[in-house]
Amino acid sequence: MKEIFLSLQGESGSQGLPTVFIRTSGCDLRCSWCDTAYAYTGGEEMTPGEVEGRVRAFGVRRACLTGGEPLLQPREEIQELLDRLGEFELSIETGGHRPLHPYRLAPGHRWVMDLKCPSSGMSGRMCWDNLEVLRPRDEVKFVVADRRDYLWARETISRHRLPERCRVLLSPVHGVLQPAELAGWMLKDRLEARLQLQLHKLLWGEGARGR
């Protein structure tokens, strides 16, 4: 486990709400714009029960399992943690390249899955079968660095009819693509998706950790 901390959720449908972040170590992707490379290595061994205890100590019933890539951890341990946090409002953030179908989610749990745009360098790694697992409460996120990324996201949203499956989020790469430019493209195309800015970076700056 890399870190467990309380903050305001900076992204997704829970943006702005107090959330306990459970950040696992390790990732098998190397996105060009990654902002959590410090989670690639290190951390400490913790059992699902120990993680649950740390999470409950904050007294908040909302949590986010993230990384790195949390689905790199042993499936049985991740499932046990999901079961232990069954009554939580829990989002599971994943890079979209590892299968979702082996996991059993409680009613208050949801996937927040990236679909990697071309500028990430990882768009060829996606597990497209994951789209069949998604439900209306789940979310798909595109991190957009430029016009090419946007056109790829727009085509993917249309081809897979994503707004009929789940919530769709577009987020500009912080400090690379101006949010107003992305907003303009979305409005021009009447894109059925939500513009998402990274609230935590606006509040505490790009390099802040544990906030």
N, C-alpha and C. Protein backbone atom coordinates (compact mmCIF):
# COMPACT_ATOMS: atom_id res chain seq x y z
N MET A 1 0.85 -1.19 0.00
CA MET A 1 0.00 0.00 0.00
C MET A 1 0.89 1.24 0.00
N LYS A 2 0.62 2.17 -0.91
CA LYS A 2 1.45 3.37 -0.99
C LYS A 2 1.04 4.41 0.04
N GLU A 3 -0.26 4.69 0.13
CA GLU A 3 -0.72 5.69 1.10
C GLU A 3 -2.22 5.58 1.29
N ILE A 4 -2.68 6.00 2.46
CA ILE A 4 -4.11 6.10 2.78
C ILE A 4 -4.30 7.46 3.44
N PHE A 5 -5.19 8.27 2.89
CA PHE A 5 -5.34 9.63 3.42
C PHE A 5 -6.73 10.16 3.13
N LEU A 6 -7.11 11.18 3.86
CA LEU A 6 -8.41 11.84 3.69
C LEU A 6 -8.22 13.13 2.91
N SER A 7 -9.07 13.33 1.92
CA SER A 7 -9.03 14.58 1.15
C SER A 7 -10.40 14.81 0.55
N LEU A 8 -10.50 15.87 -0.25
CA LEU A 8 -11.68 16.07 -1.08
C LEU A 8 -11.44 15.35 -2.40
N GLN A 9 -12.46 14.65 -2.88
CA GLN A 9 -12.33 13.99 -4.18
C GLN A 9 -12.15 15.05 -5.26
N GLY A 10 -11.06 14.93 -6.02
CA GLY A 10 -10.77 15.92 -7.05
C GLY A 10 -11.37 15.62 -8.40
N GLU A 11 -11.84 14.38 -8.58
CA GLU A 11 -12.34 13.97 -9.89
C GLU A 11 -13.58 13.10 -9.72
N SER A 12 -14.19 12.75 -10.84
CA SER A 12 -15.33 11.82 -10.91
C SER A 12 -16.61 12.44 -10.36
N GLY A 13 -17.65 11.61 -10.30
CA GLY A 13 -18.95 12.10 -9.86
C GLY A 13 -19.02 12.49 -8.40
N SER A 14 -18.00 12.12 -7.61
CA SER A 14 -17.95 12.49 -6.20
C SER A 14 -17.07 13.72 -5.97
N GLN A 15 -16.75 14.44 -7.01
CA GLN A 15 -15.86 15.58 -6.91
C GLN A 15 -16.32 16.55 -5.82
N GLY A 16 -15.36 16.96 -4.98
CA GLY A 16 -15.63 17.93 -3.93
C GLY A 16 -16.08 17.33 -2.61
N LEU A 17 -16.32 16.03 -2.57
CA LEU A 17 -16.81 15.39 -1.35
C LEU A 17 -15.67 14.77 -0.55
N PRO A 18 -15.74 14.81 0.79
CA PRO A 18 -14.69 14.17 1.61
C PRO A 18 -14.60 12.68 1.29
N THR A 19 -13.38 12.23 1.04
CA THR A 19 -13.14 10.86 0.57
C THR A 19 -11.84 10.34 1.15
N VAL A 20 -11.84 9.07 1.57
CA VAL A 20 -10.61 8.41 1.98
C VAL A 20 -9.99 7.75 0.75
N PHE A 21 -8.74 8.12 0.45
CA PHE A 21 -8.04 7.56 -0.70
C PHE A 21 -7.17 6.39 -0.27
N ILE A 22 -7.33 5.29 -0.97
CA ILE A 22 -6.55 4.07 -0.74
C ILE A 22 -5.70 3.89 -1.99
N ARG A 23 -4.43 4.27 -1.90
CA ARG A 23 -3.57 4.23 -3.09
C ARG A 23 -2.62 3.03 -3.01
N THR A 24 -2.78 2.11 -3.96
CA THR A 24 -1.90 0.95 -4.02
C THR A 24 -0.62 1.30 -4.78
N SER A 25 0.38 0.46 -4.60
CA SER A 25 1.66 0.64 -5.29
C SER A 25 1.69 -0.21 -6.56
N GLY A 26 2.42 0.28 -7.55
CA GLY A 26 2.66 -0.48 -8.77
C GLY A 26 1.71 -0.12 -9.89
N CYS A 27 2.26 -0.03 -11.11
CA CYS A 27 1.46 0.17 -12.31
C CYS A 27 2.22 -0.42 -13.48
N ASP A 28 1.49 -1.10 -14.37
CA ASP A 28 2.12 -1.68 -15.54
C ASP A 28 1.89 -0.86 -16.80
N LEU A 29 1.38 0.37 -16.65
CA LEU A 29 1.31 1.33 -17.73
C LEU A 29 2.31 2.46 -17.45
N ARG A 30 2.68 3.17 -18.51
CA ARG A 30 3.57 4.33 -18.37
C ARG A 30 3.02 5.47 -19.23
N CYS A 31 1.91 6.02 -18.79
CA CYS A 31 1.28 7.11 -19.53
C CYS A 31 2.19 8.33 -19.56
N SER A 32 2.26 8.99 -20.70
CA SER A 32 3.18 10.12 -20.87
C SER A 32 2.89 11.25 -19.90
N TRP A 33 1.64 11.43 -19.51
CA TRP A 33 1.26 12.54 -18.64
C TRP A 33 1.00 12.10 -17.20
N CYS A 34 1.43 10.90 -16.81
CA CYS A 34 1.12 10.37 -15.48
C CYS A 34 1.52 11.36 -14.38
N ASP A 35 0.62 11.58 -13.43
CA ASP A 35 0.90 12.49 -12.32
C ASP A 35 1.05 11.75 -11.00
N THR A 36 1.11 10.42 -11.04
CA THR A 36 1.31 9.65 -9.81
C THR A 36 2.44 8.62 -9.99
N ALA A 37 3.49 9.02 -10.70
CA ALA A 37 4.61 8.09 -10.93
C ALA A 37 5.26 7.66 -9.63
N TYR A 38 5.10 8.46 -8.58
CA TYR A 38 5.68 8.08 -7.29
C TYR A 38 5.06 6.80 -6.73
N ALA A 39 3.90 6.40 -7.27
CA ALA A 39 3.24 5.18 -6.81
C ALA A 39 3.70 3.94 -7.57
N TYR A 40 4.63 4.10 -8.51
CA TYR A 40 5.11 2.93 -9.25
C TYR A 40 5.79 1.92 -8.33
N THR A 41 6.47 2.42 -7.32
CA THR A 41 7.26 1.54 -6.45
C THR A 41 7.05 1.93 -4.98
N GLY A 42 7.59 1.11 -4.09
CA GLY A 42 7.55 1.43 -2.66
C GLY A 42 6.24 1.01 -2.01
N GLY A 43 6.00 1.58 -0.83
CA GLY A 43 4.81 1.24 -0.07
C GLY A 43 5.07 0.18 0.97
N GLU A 44 4.02 -0.24 1.66
CA GLU A 44 4.13 -1.24 2.71
C GLU A 44 3.08 -2.31 2.54
N GLU A 45 3.41 -3.51 2.98
CA GLU A 45 2.47 -4.62 2.92
C GLU A 45 1.38 -4.42 3.97
N MET A 46 0.13 -4.54 3.54
CA MET A 46 -1.00 -4.44 4.46
C MET A 46 -2.05 -5.47 4.08
N THR A 47 -2.68 -6.07 5.07
CA THR A 47 -3.78 -6.99 4.79
C THR A 47 -5.05 -6.19 4.51
N PRO A 48 -6.04 -6.79 3.84
CA PRO A 48 -7.31 -6.10 3.65
C PRO A 48 -7.92 -5.63 4.97
N GLY A 49 -7.76 -6.42 6.03
CA GLY A 49 -8.29 -6.01 7.33
C GLY A 49 -7.60 -4.78 7.88
N GLU A 50 -6.29 -4.69 7.69
CA GLU A 50 -5.54 -3.52 8.15
C GLU A 50 -5.94 -2.28 7.37
N VAL A 51 -6.12 -2.45 6.06
CA VAL A 51 -6.57 -1.32 5.24
C VAL A 51 -7.95 -0.86 5.69
N GLU A 52 -8.85 -1.81 5.90
CA GLU A 52 -10.19 -1.45 6.36
C GLU A 52 -10.14 -0.66 7.66
N GLY A 53 -9.30 -1.09 8.59
CA GLY A 53 -9.19 -0.38 9.86
C GLY A 53 -8.73 1.05 9.69
N ARG A 54 -7.74 1.25 8.83
CA ARG A 54 -7.24 2.60 8.58
C ARG A 54 -8.33 3.47 7.93
N VAL A 55 -9.07 2.89 7.00
CA VAL A 55 -10.11 3.64 6.31
C VAL A 55 -11.22 4.04 7.27
N ARG A 56 -11.68 3.11 8.07
CA ARG A 56 -12.79 3.39 8.99
C ARG A 56 -12.41 4.41 10.06
N ALA A 57 -11.13 4.49 10.39
CA ALA A 57 -10.69 5.41 11.43
C ALA A 57 -10.94 6.87 11.07
N PHE A 58 -11.07 7.17 9.80
CA PHE A 58 -11.31 8.55 9.38
C PHE A 58 -12.76 8.98 9.62
N GLY A 59 -13.67 8.02 9.80
CA GLY A 59 -15.06 8.37 10.08
C GLY A 59 -15.82 8.90 8.89
N VAL A 60 -15.38 8.55 7.68
CA VAL A 60 -16.03 8.98 6.44
C VAL A 60 -16.50 7.73 5.72
N ARG A 61 -17.70 7.76 5.15
CA ARG A 61 -18.24 6.58 4.49
C ARG A 61 -18.13 6.66 2.96
N ARG A 62 -17.08 7.33 2.52
CA ARG A 62 -16.83 7.44 1.08
C ARG A 62 -15.34 7.17 0.86
N ALA A 63 -15.00 6.30 -0.09
CA ALA A 63 -13.61 5.95 -0.31
C ALA A 63 -13.33 5.78 -1.79
N CYS A 64 -12.05 5.86 -2.13
CA CYS A 64 -11.61 5.72 -3.52
C CYS A 64 -10.40 4.79 -3.53
N LEU A 65 -10.51 3.68 -4.22
CA LEU A 65 -9.40 2.74 -4.40
C LEU A 65 -8.70 3.09 -5.71
N THR A 66 -7.43 3.48 -5.61
CA THR A 66 -6.73 4.00 -6.77
C THR A 66 -5.28 3.53 -6.74
N GLY A 67 -4.46 4.06 -7.62
CA GLY A 67 -3.07 3.64 -7.69
C GLY A 67 -2.19 4.76 -8.20
N GLY A 68 -1.14 4.37 -8.92
CA GLY A 68 -0.88 3.07 -9.51
C GLY A 68 -2.09 2.45 -10.21
N GLU A 69 -2.05 1.11 -10.25
CA GLU A 69 -3.16 0.34 -10.81
C GLU A 69 -3.60 -0.67 -9.75
N PRO A 70 -4.73 -0.42 -9.09
CA PRO A 70 -5.13 -1.30 -7.99
C PRO A 70 -5.38 -2.74 -8.42
N LEU A 71 -5.78 -2.96 -9.67
CA LEU A 71 -6.09 -4.32 -10.10
C LEU A 71 -4.85 -5.16 -10.36
N LEU A 72 -3.66 -4.58 -10.13
CA LEU A 72 -2.44 -5.38 -10.14
C LEU A 72 -2.29 -6.19 -8.86
N GLN A 73 -2.99 -5.79 -7.82
CA GLN A 73 -2.90 -6.51 -6.54
C GLN A 73 -3.61 -7.86 -6.66
N PRO A 74 -3.30 -8.82 -5.81
CA PRO A 74 -3.96 -10.13 -5.89
C PRO A 74 -5.48 -9.99 -5.88
N ARG A 75 -6.13 -10.67 -6.81
CA ARG A 75 -7.58 -10.52 -6.96
C ARG A 75 -8.32 -10.85 -5.67
N GLU A 76 -7.89 -11.90 -4.98
CA GLU A 76 -8.58 -12.30 -3.76
C GLU A 76 -8.51 -11.22 -2.69
N GLU A 77 -7.37 -10.52 -2.61
CA GLU A 77 -7.21 -9.46 -1.61
C GLU A 77 -8.06 -8.24 -1.97
N ILE A 78 -8.10 -7.90 -3.25
CA ILE A 78 -8.93 -6.77 -3.67
C ILE A 78 -10.40 -7.09 -3.41
N GLN A 79 -10.83 -8.30 -3.75
CA GLN A 79 -12.22 -8.66 -3.51
C GLN A 79 -12.56 -8.65 -2.03
N GLU A 80 -11.64 -9.12 -1.20
CA GLU A 80 -11.89 -9.08 0.24
C GLU A 80 -12.04 -7.66 0.73
N LEU A 81 -11.20 -6.75 0.22
CA LEU A 81 -11.31 -5.35 0.63
C LEU A 81 -12.65 -4.76 0.16
N LEU A 82 -13.05 -5.06 -1.07
CA LEU A 82 -14.35 -4.58 -1.56
C LEU A 82 -15.48 -5.09 -0.66
N ASP A 83 -15.40 -6.36 -0.27
CA ASP A 83 -16.44 -6.92 0.60
C ASP A 83 -16.44 -6.26 1.97
N ARG A 84 -15.26 -6.01 2.51
CA ARG A 84 -15.16 -5.37 3.83
C ARG A 84 -15.72 -3.95 3.81
N LEU A 85 -15.62 -3.29 2.66
CA LEU A 85 -16.12 -1.92 2.52
C LEU A 85 -17.44 -1.91 1.76
N GLY A 86 -18.21 -2.95 1.97
CA GLY A 86 -19.43 -3.14 1.20
C GLY A 86 -20.47 -2.04 1.36
N GLU A 87 -20.53 -1.41 2.54
CA GLU A 87 -21.53 -0.36 2.75
C GLU A 87 -21.02 1.02 2.37
N PHE A 88 -19.75 1.12 1.96
CA PHE A 88 -19.18 2.40 1.58
C PHE A 88 -19.64 2.81 0.17
N GLU A 89 -19.66 4.12 -0.05
CA GLU A 89 -19.70 4.63 -1.41
C GLU A 89 -18.25 4.57 -1.90
N LEU A 90 -17.95 3.64 -2.76
CA LEU A 90 -16.58 3.34 -3.14
C LEU A 90 -16.40 3.41 -4.65
N SER A 91 -15.43 4.21 -5.09
CA SER A 91 -15.06 4.23 -6.50
C SER A 91 -13.74 3.48 -6.66
N ILE A 92 -13.64 2.70 -7.72
CA ILE A 92 -12.42 1.95 -8.03
C ILE A 92 -11.87 2.50 -9.33
N GLU A 93 -10.74 3.18 -9.24
CA GLU A 93 -10.13 3.81 -10.40
C GLU A 93 -9.14 2.85 -11.04
N THR A 94 -9.33 2.59 -12.33
CA THR A 94 -8.47 1.64 -13.04
C THR A 94 -8.10 2.19 -14.40
N GLY A 95 -6.94 1.76 -14.89
CA GLY A 95 -6.45 2.22 -16.18
C GLY A 95 -7.17 1.64 -17.38
N GLY A 96 -8.07 0.69 -17.16
CA GLY A 96 -8.88 0.17 -18.25
C GLY A 96 -8.24 -0.96 -19.04
N HIS A 97 -7.09 -1.42 -18.62
CA HIS A 97 -6.37 -2.44 -19.39
C HIS A 97 -6.39 -3.81 -18.72
N ARG A 98 -6.99 -3.90 -17.54
CA ARG A 98 -7.08 -5.17 -16.84
C ARG A 98 -8.56 -5.54 -16.66
N PRO A 99 -8.90 -6.82 -16.79
CA PRO A 99 -10.31 -7.22 -16.80
C PRO A 99 -11.06 -6.83 -15.53
N LEU A 100 -12.28 -6.37 -15.71
CA LEU A 100 -13.15 -6.00 -14.60
C LEU A 100 -14.07 -7.14 -14.18
N HIS A 101 -14.34 -8.07 -15.09
CA HIS A 101 -15.40 -9.06 -14.83
C HIS A 101 -15.14 -9.98 -13.65
N PRO A 102 -13.86 -10.21 -13.20
CA PRO A 102 -13.70 -11.12 -12.05
C PRO A 102 -14.18 -10.55 -10.72
N TYR A 103 -14.51 -9.27 -10.67
CA TYR A 103 -14.78 -8.62 -9.38
C TYR A 103 -16.28 -8.46 -9.14
N ARG A 104 -16.67 -8.58 -7.91
CA ARG A 104 -18.06 -8.43 -7.48
C ARG A 104 -18.18 -7.13 -6.69
N LEU A 105 -18.97 -6.20 -7.18
CA LEU A 105 -19.13 -4.90 -6.54
C LEU A 105 -20.43 -4.83 -5.76
N ALA A 106 -20.38 -4.14 -4.63
CA ALA A 106 -21.58 -3.89 -3.83
C ALA A 106 -22.41 -2.79 -4.50
N PRO A 107 -23.67 -2.62 -4.09
CA PRO A 107 -24.54 -1.62 -4.74
C PRO A 107 -23.97 -0.20 -4.75
N GLY A 108 -23.22 0.17 -3.71
CA GLY A 108 -22.68 1.53 -3.65
C GLY A 108 -21.31 1.69 -4.28
N HIS A 109 -20.82 0.65 -4.93
CA HIS A 109 -19.50 0.70 -5.56
C HIS A 109 -19.64 1.02 -7.05
N ARG A 110 -18.60 1.64 -7.61
CA ARG A 110 -18.62 1.91 -9.05
C ARG A 110 -17.20 1.90 -9.60
N TRP A 111 -17.12 1.56 -10.88
CA TRP A 111 -15.86 1.66 -11.60
C TRP A 111 -15.69 3.08 -12.14
N VAL A 112 -14.46 3.57 -12.10
CA VAL A 112 -14.07 4.79 -12.81
C VAL A 112 -12.90 4.35 -13.69
N MET A 113 -13.18 4.14 -14.97
CA MET A 113 -12.23 3.50 -15.86
C MET A 113 -11.70 4.48 -16.90
N ASP A 114 -10.39 4.55 -17.01
CA ASP A 114 -9.76 5.36 -18.06
C ASP A 114 -9.86 4.64 -19.40
N LEU A 115 -10.07 5.41 -20.44
CA LEU A 115 -9.80 4.96 -21.80
C LEU A 115 -8.67 5.83 -22.30
N LYS A 116 -7.52 5.24 -22.50
CA LYS A 116 -6.30 5.99 -22.76
C LYS A 116 -6.26 6.55 -24.18
N CYS A 117 -6.17 7.86 -24.28
CA CYS A 117 -6.09 8.53 -25.58
C CYS A 117 -4.69 8.36 -26.19
N PRO A 118 -4.54 8.64 -27.49
CA PRO A 118 -3.25 8.40 -28.16
C PRO A 118 -2.05 9.07 -27.51
N SER A 119 -2.19 10.29 -27.00
CA SER A 119 -1.02 10.99 -26.46
C SER A 119 -0.46 10.30 -25.22
N SER A 120 -1.25 9.45 -24.57
CA SER A 120 -0.76 8.72 -23.41
C SER A 120 0.30 7.70 -23.79
N GLY A 121 0.27 7.25 -25.04
CA GLY A 121 1.15 6.18 -25.47
C GLY A 121 0.66 4.80 -25.09
N MET A 122 -0.51 4.72 -24.46
CA MET A 122 -1.01 3.46 -23.92
C MET A 122 -2.36 3.06 -24.52
N SER A 123 -2.83 3.73 -25.56
CA SER A 123 -4.17 3.43 -26.07
C SER A 123 -4.27 2.02 -26.65
N GLY A 124 -3.15 1.45 -27.05
CA GLY A 124 -3.16 0.09 -27.57
C GLY A 124 -3.27 -0.98 -26.51
N ARG A 125 -3.25 -0.60 -25.25
CA ARG A 125 -3.28 -1.57 -24.15
C ARG A 125 -4.69 -1.78 -23.57
N MET A 126 -5.69 -1.09 -24.09
CA MET A 126 -7.01 -1.13 -23.48
C MET A 126 -7.67 -2.51 -23.62
N CYS A 127 -8.42 -2.89 -22.59
CA CYS A 127 -9.23 -4.10 -22.61
C CYS A 127 -10.67 -3.68 -22.95
N TRP A 128 -11.00 -3.73 -24.23
CA TRP A 128 -12.28 -3.21 -24.68
C TRP A 128 -13.46 -4.02 -24.18
N ASP A 129 -13.24 -5.28 -23.82
CA ASP A 129 -14.33 -6.09 -23.26
C ASP A 129 -14.87 -5.50 -21.96
N ASN A 130 -14.06 -4.66 -21.30
CA ASN A 130 -14.53 -4.04 -20.06
C ASN A 130 -15.78 -3.20 -20.25
N LEU A 131 -15.98 -2.69 -21.46
CA LEU A 131 -17.15 -1.84 -21.69
C LEU A 131 -18.45 -2.61 -21.45
N GLU A 132 -18.41 -3.93 -21.65
CA GLU A 132 -19.61 -4.73 -21.45
C GLU A 132 -19.96 -4.88 -19.98
N VAL A 133 -19.01 -4.61 -19.11
CA VAL A 133 -19.21 -4.74 -17.66
C VAL A 133 -19.85 -3.48 -17.08
N LEU A 134 -19.66 -2.35 -17.73
CA LEU A 134 -20.05 -1.07 -17.15
C LEU A 134 -21.56 -0.92 -17.04
N ARG A 135 -21.98 -0.23 -15.96
CA ARG A 135 -23.39 0.03 -15.67
C ARG A 135 -23.61 1.54 -15.63
N PRO A 136 -24.86 2.01 -15.57
CA PRO A 136 -25.11 3.45 -15.57
C PRO A 136 -24.41 4.22 -14.46
N ARG A 137 -24.14 3.60 -13.31
CA ARG A 137 -23.48 4.32 -12.22
C ARG A 137 -21.97 4.43 -12.45
N ASP A 138 -21.41 3.61 -13.34
CA ASP A 138 -19.98 3.61 -13.59
C ASP A 138 -19.59 4.80 -14.46
N GLU A 139 -18.27 5.04 -14.54
CA GLU A 139 -17.77 6.20 -15.27
C GLU A 139 -16.59 5.81 -16.15
N VAL A 140 -16.54 6.43 -17.33
CA VAL A 140 -15.40 6.30 -18.23
C VAL A 140 -14.77 7.68 -18.36
N LYS A 141 -13.45 7.72 -18.25
CA LYS A 141 -12.73 8.99 -18.29
C LYS A 141 -11.72 9.01 -19.43
N PHE A 142 -11.71 10.11 -20.18
CA PHE A 142 -10.70 10.36 -21.21
C PHE A 142 -9.84 11.53 -20.74
N VAL A 143 -8.55 11.34 -20.65
CA VAL A 143 -7.62 12.43 -20.35
C VAL A 143 -7.08 12.94 -21.68
N VAL A 144 -7.36 14.20 -21.97
CA VAL A 144 -7.16 14.77 -23.30
C VAL A 144 -6.03 15.79 -23.28
N ALA A 145 -5.03 15.58 -24.14
CA ALA A 145 -3.88 16.50 -24.19
C ALA A 145 -3.94 17.43 -25.38
N ASP A 146 -4.65 17.05 -26.45
CA ASP A 146 -4.63 17.85 -27.68
C ASP A 146 -5.85 17.50 -28.54
N ARG A 147 -5.91 18.13 -29.70
CA ARG A 147 -7.05 17.94 -30.60
C ARG A 147 -7.15 16.49 -31.08
N ARG A 148 -6.02 15.87 -31.34
CA ARG A 148 -6.04 14.47 -31.77
C ARG A 148 -6.67 13.58 -30.71
N ASP A 149 -6.31 13.78 -29.46
CA ASP A 149 -6.92 13.02 -28.37
C ASP A 149 -8.42 13.24 -28.33
N TYR A 150 -8.83 14.49 -28.50
CA TYR A 150 -10.25 14.80 -28.43
C TYR A 150 -11.02 14.08 -29.54
N LEU A 151 -10.49 14.12 -30.76
CA LEU A 151 -11.18 13.46 -31.87
C LEU A 151 -11.25 11.95 -31.64
N TRP A 152 -10.20 11.38 -31.06
CA TRP A 152 -10.21 9.94 -30.74
C TRP A 152 -11.28 9.66 -29.69
N ALA A 153 -11.35 10.50 -28.67
CA ALA A 153 -12.37 10.32 -27.63
C ALA A 153 -13.77 10.47 -28.20
N ARG A 154 -13.97 11.47 -29.03
CA ARG A 154 -15.29 11.70 -29.63
C ARG A 154 -15.73 10.50 -30.46
N GLU A 155 -14.82 9.95 -31.25
CA GLU A 155 -15.15 8.80 -32.09
C GLU A 155 -15.43 7.56 -31.23
N THR A 156 -14.65 7.38 -30.17
CA THR A 156 -14.84 6.23 -29.28
C THR A 156 -16.18 6.32 -28.55
N ILE A 157 -16.52 7.51 -28.09
CA ILE A 157 -17.80 7.72 -27.41
C ILE A 157 -18.96 7.37 -28.34
N SER A 158 -18.86 7.80 -29.59
CA SER A 158 -19.93 7.54 -30.56
C SER A 158 -19.99 6.07 -30.95
N ARG A 159 -18.83 5.48 -31.26
CA ARG A 159 -18.80 4.09 -31.76
C ARG A 159 -19.32 3.11 -30.73
N HIS A 160 -18.99 3.34 -29.46
CA HIS A 160 -19.40 2.42 -28.39
C HIS A 160 -20.66 2.88 -27.67
N ARG A 161 -21.25 3.98 -28.13
CA ARG A 161 -22.49 4.50 -27.53
C ARG A 161 -22.35 4.60 -26.01
N LEU A 162 -21.25 5.22 -25.60
CA LEU A 162 -20.91 5.23 -24.18
C LEU A 162 -21.94 5.94 -23.30
N PRO A 163 -22.54 7.06 -23.73
CA PRO A 163 -23.51 7.71 -22.84
C PRO A 163 -24.71 6.82 -22.52
N GLU A 164 -24.96 5.79 -23.34
CA GLU A 164 -26.05 4.85 -23.05
C GLU A 164 -25.62 3.79 -22.04
N ARG A 165 -24.31 3.66 -21.82
CA ARG A 165 -23.79 2.64 -20.91
C ARG A 165 -23.50 3.20 -19.52
N CYS A 166 -22.91 4.41 -19.49
CA CYS A 166 -22.35 4.91 -18.24
C CYS A 166 -22.15 6.42 -18.35
N ARG A 167 -21.61 7.02 -17.31
CA ARG A 167 -21.25 8.44 -17.33
C ARG A 167 -19.92 8.60 -18.07
N VAL A 168 -19.80 9.70 -18.79
CA VAL A 168 -18.60 9.95 -19.59
C VAL A 168 -17.97 11.27 -19.14
N LEU A 169 -16.66 11.24 -18.87
CA LEU A 169 -15.91 12.39 -18.38
C LEU A 169 -14.76 12.69 -19.34
N LEU A 170 -14.51 13.96 -19.61
CA LEU A 170 -13.33 14.40 -20.35
C LEU A 170 -12.55 15.36 -19.47
N SER A 171 -11.25 15.09 -19.32
CA SER A 171 -10.41 15.89 -18.46
C SER A 171 -9.19 16.38 -19.24
N PRO A 172 -8.93 17.68 -19.29
CA PRO A 172 -7.72 18.16 -19.97
C PRO A 172 -6.48 17.87 -19.14
N VAL A 173 -5.38 17.52 -19.83
CA VAL A 173 -4.13 17.34 -19.12
C VAL A 173 -3.75 18.67 -18.48
N HIS A 174 -3.57 18.65 -17.17
CA HIS A 174 -3.33 19.88 -16.41
C HIS A 174 -2.06 20.57 -16.90
N GLY A 175 -2.18 21.85 -17.25
CA GLY A 175 -1.04 22.63 -17.69
C GLY A 175 -0.64 22.42 -19.13
N VAL A 176 -1.37 21.55 -19.84
CA VAL A 176 -1.05 21.27 -21.25
C VAL A 176 -2.15 21.76 -22.18
N LEU A 177 -3.38 21.36 -21.91
CA LEU A 177 -4.53 21.79 -22.71
C LEU A 177 -5.41 22.71 -21.86
N GLN A 178 -5.70 23.88 -22.39
CA GLN A 178 -6.53 24.82 -21.66
C GLN A 178 -7.96 24.28 -21.55
N PRO A 179 -8.53 24.29 -20.35
CA PRO A 179 -9.89 23.78 -20.18
C PRO A 179 -10.91 24.46 -21.09
N ALA A 180 -10.76 25.76 -21.31
CA ALA A 180 -11.71 26.48 -22.16
C ALA A 180 -11.68 25.96 -23.59
N GLU A 181 -10.50 25.54 -24.05
CA GLU A 181 -10.41 25.01 -25.41
C GLU A 181 -11.15 23.69 -25.52
N LEU A 182 -10.93 22.81 -24.55
CA LEU A 182 -11.66 21.54 -24.55
C LEU A 182 -13.16 21.78 -24.42
N ALA A 183 -13.55 22.71 -23.57
CA ALA A 183 -14.97 23.02 -23.40
C ALA A 183 -15.58 23.49 -24.72
N GLY A 184 -14.83 24.29 -25.48
CA GLY A 184 -15.33 24.77 -26.76
C GLY A 184 -15.56 23.65 -27.75
N TRP A 185 -14.64 22.70 -27.80
CA TRP A 185 -14.81 21.55 -28.70
C TRP A 185 -16.05 20.74 -28.30
N MET A 186 -16.22 20.53 -27.01
CA MET A 186 -17.35 19.74 -26.53
C MET A 186 -18.68 20.42 -26.84
N LEU A 187 -18.73 21.73 -26.66
CA LEU A 187 -19.97 22.45 -26.94
C LEU A 187 -20.28 22.46 -28.43
N LYS A 188 -19.27 22.66 -29.25
CA LYS A 188 -19.48 22.68 -30.70
C LYS A 188 -20.05 21.36 -31.18
N ASP A 189 -19.57 20.26 -30.60
CA ASP A 189 -20.03 18.93 -31.03
C ASP A 189 -21.23 18.43 -30.25
N ARG A 190 -21.72 19.25 -29.29
CA ARG A 190 -22.83 18.81 -28.43
C ARG A 190 -22.50 17.45 -27.80
N LEU A 191 -21.29 17.31 -27.36
CA LEU A 191 -20.82 16.03 -26.84
C LEU A 191 -21.51 15.71 -25.52
N GLU A 192 -22.07 14.52 -25.43
CA GLU A 192 -22.78 14.09 -24.22
C GLU A 192 -21.77 13.56 -23.22
N ALA A 193 -21.04 14.49 -22.59
CA ALA A 193 -20.00 14.13 -21.65
C ALA A 193 -19.80 15.31 -20.70
N ARG A 194 -19.19 15.05 -19.57
CA ARG A 194 -18.95 16.08 -18.55
C ARG A 194 -17.50 16.53 -18.61
N LEU A 195 -17.28 17.84 -18.65
CA LEU A 195 -15.94 18.39 -18.51
C LEU A 195 -15.52 18.28 -17.05
N GLN A 196 -14.33 17.74 -16.82
CA GLN A 196 -13.85 17.53 -15.46
C GLN A 196 -12.48 18.17 -15.29
N LEU A 197 -12.38 19.07 -14.33
CA LEU A 197 -11.09 19.64 -13.96
C LEU A 197 -10.62 18.96 -12.68
N GLN A 198 -9.33 18.88 -12.49
CA GLN A 198 -8.78 18.21 -11.31
C GLN A 198 -8.77 19.19 -10.13
N LEU A 199 -9.81 19.10 -9.33
CA LEU A 199 -10.03 20.04 -8.24
C LEU A 199 -8.85 20.09 -7.28
N HIS A 200 -8.26 18.94 -6.98
CA HIS A 200 -7.16 18.90 -6.01
C HIS A 200 -5.96 19.72 -6.48
N LYS A 201 -5.72 19.76 -7.79
CA LYS A 201 -4.61 20.56 -8.30
C LYS A 201 -4.93 22.05 -8.26
N LEU A 202 -6.18 22.39 -8.46
CA LEU A 202 -6.59 23.79 -8.36
C LEU A 202 -6.49 24.28 -6.91
N LEU A 203 -6.78 23.40 -5.96
CA LEU A 203 -6.74 23.79 -4.55
C LEU A 203 -5.33 23.81 -3.98
N TRP A 204 -4.54 22.76 -4.26
CA TRP A 204 -3.28 22.58 -3.54
C TRP A 204 -2.04 22.53 -4.43
N GLY A 205 -2.23 22.67 -5.74
CA GLY A 205 -1.09 22.67 -6.64
C GLY A 205 -0.79 21.29 -7.20
N GLU A 206 -0.02 21.28 -8.26
CA GLU A 206 0.20 20.04 -9.02
C GLU A 206 0.96 18.99 -8.24
N GLY A 207 1.93 19.37 -7.44
CA GLY A 207 2.77 18.38 -6.79
C GLY A 207 2.31 17.91 -5.44
N ALA A 208 1.15 18.38 -4.97
CA ALA A 208 0.70 18.04 -3.61
C ALA A 208 0.39 16.56 -3.50
N ARG A 209 0.77 15.96 -2.36
CA ARG A 209 0.46 14.56 -2.07
C ARG A 209 -0.25 14.47 -0.74
N GLY A 210 -1.10 13.44 -0.63
CA GLY A 210 -1.80 13.23 0.63
C GLY A 210 -2.80 14.33 0.95
N ARG A 211 -3.30 15.00 -0.11
CA ARG A 211 -4.26 16.08 0.08
C ARG A 211 -5.50 15.83 -0.77
